[in-house]
Amino acid sequence: MSLRSIVKSATGQDVHVCQSCNDCDIGSYADMDIPLSSLIQLVMLNDEEALQCRTLWSDSVMEAARGACKRGLDLYAMMIALREESLRRAGR
């Protein structure tokens, strides 16, 4: 199952709503290795890096992601779905 499908199944949202406007790039955090806009692009490309990046596991980024998308994409819910998938694939 693609990462896009996993996010859609878990959240009811399609990441293709993203228009790559970069409004979700909320600044820089010490535990952030890629911006949220790049995380969304990785999901759309079904790139496994989305499940391994530090950004995904940053609680401060997750909190800042709430409401960051001006088009209504719930980035917090997307990150939760990706975290769960990463743990599932790791067998945890």
Protein backbone atom coordinates (compact mmCIF):
# COMPACT_ATOMS: atom_id res chain seq x y z
CA MET A 1 0.00 0.00 0.00
CA SER A 2 1.37 3.42 -0.91
CA LEU A 3 2.05 6.04 1.74
CA ARG A 4 -0.59 8.24 0.12
CA SER A 5 -3.15 5.43 0.48
CA ILE A 6 -2.12 4.81 4.08
CA VAL A 7 -2.62 8.48 4.96
CA LYS A 8 -5.95 8.57 3.11
CA SER A 9 -7.17 5.41 4.83
CA ALA A 10 -6.14 6.61 8.28
CA THR A 11 -7.23 10.25 8.00
CA GLY A 12 -9.74 10.43 5.16
CA GLN A 13 -7.53 13.03 3.47
CA ASP A 14 -5.73 12.92 0.16
CA VAL A 15 -2.29 14.53 0.30
CA HIS A 16 -2.74 15.55 -3.34
CA VAL A 17 -4.78 18.45 -1.93
CA CYS A 18 -1.33 19.94 -1.34
CA GLN A 19 -0.52 22.64 -3.89
CA SER A 20 3.14 22.92 -2.84
CA CYS A 21 2.61 26.48 -1.62
CA ASN A 22 5.05 25.89 1.30
CA ASP A 23 2.77 27.75 3.74
CA CYS A 24 3.17 24.74 6.03
CA ASP A 25 6.91 25.35 6.44
CA ILE A 26 6.63 26.47 10.02
CA GLY A 27 10.20 27.40 10.74
CA SER A 28 13.15 25.39 11.88
CA TYR A 29 13.38 23.12 14.90
CA ALA A 30 16.52 21.39 16.21
CA ASP A 31 14.96 17.96 15.71
CA MET A 32 13.68 18.70 12.19
CA ASP A 33 15.70 17.42 9.23
CA ILE A 34 13.24 18.25 6.42
CA PRO A 35 10.43 20.83 6.19
CA LEU A 36 6.80 19.70 6.29
CA SER A 37 6.36 20.56 2.62
CA SER A 38 9.11 18.07 1.78
CA LEU A 39 7.52 15.43 4.01
CA ILE A 40 4.26 15.80 2.06
CA GLN A 41 6.15 15.50 -1.23
CA LEU A 42 7.86 12.32 0.01
CA VAL A 43 4.46 10.85 0.84
CA MET A 44 3.16 11.72 -2.64
CA LEU A 45 6.23 10.05 -4.17
CA ASN A 46 5.84 7.00 -1.90
CA ASP A 47 9.40 7.56 -0.68
CA GLU A 48 10.34 5.55 2.42
CA GLU A 49 12.38 8.49 3.70
CA ALA A 50 9.06 9.92 4.89
CA LEU A 51 8.94 7.14 7.50
CA GLN A 52 12.53 7.57 8.63
CA CYS A 53 13.08 11.32 8.82
CA ARG A 54 13.57 13.01 12.20
CA THR A 55 10.85 15.53 11.36
CA LEU A 56 8.21 12.79 11.60
CA TRP A 57 9.22 11.98 15.17
CA SER A 58 9.47 15.55 16.44
CA ASP A 59 6.72 16.33 18.92
CA SER A 60 7.42 20.06 18.63
CA VAL A 61 6.99 19.90 14.84
CA MET A 62 3.77 17.91 15.25
CA GLU A 63 2.31 20.52 17.56
CA ALA A 64 3.37 23.34 15.24
CA ALA A 65 1.84 21.45 12.28
CA ARG A 66 -1.66 21.83 13.71
CA GLY A 67 -3.44 24.24 11.40
CA ALA A 68 -0.30 24.94 9.35
CA CYS A 69 -1.95 24.03 6.04
CA LYS A 70 -4.11 26.85 4.68
CA ARG A 71 -5.94 24.36 2.44
CA GLY A 72 -7.18 22.30 5.35
CA LEU A 73 -4.85 19.31 5.14
CA ASP A 74 -4.52 18.00 8.70
CA LEU A 75 -0.75 17.60 8.89
CA TYR A 76 -0.91 16.48 12.52
CA ALA A 77 -3.17 13.55 11.58
CA MET A 78 -0.96 12.77 8.59
CA MET A 79 2.10 12.60 10.84
CA ILE A 80 0.30 10.30 13.31
CA ALA A 81 -0.64 7.96 10.43
CA LEU A 82 2.94 7.94 9.16
CA ARG A 83 4.34 7.28 12.64
CA GLU A 84 1.98 4.34 13.05
CA GLU A 85 2.98 2.95 9.65
CA SER A 86 6.65 3.32 10.45
CA LEU A 87 6.19 1.41 13.71
CA ARG A 88 4.12 -1.26 11.95
CA ARG A 89 6.81 -1.80 9.32
CA ALA A 90 9.45 -2.01 12.05
CA GLY A 91 7.40 -4.73 13.73
CA ARG A 92 6.66 -2.76 16.89
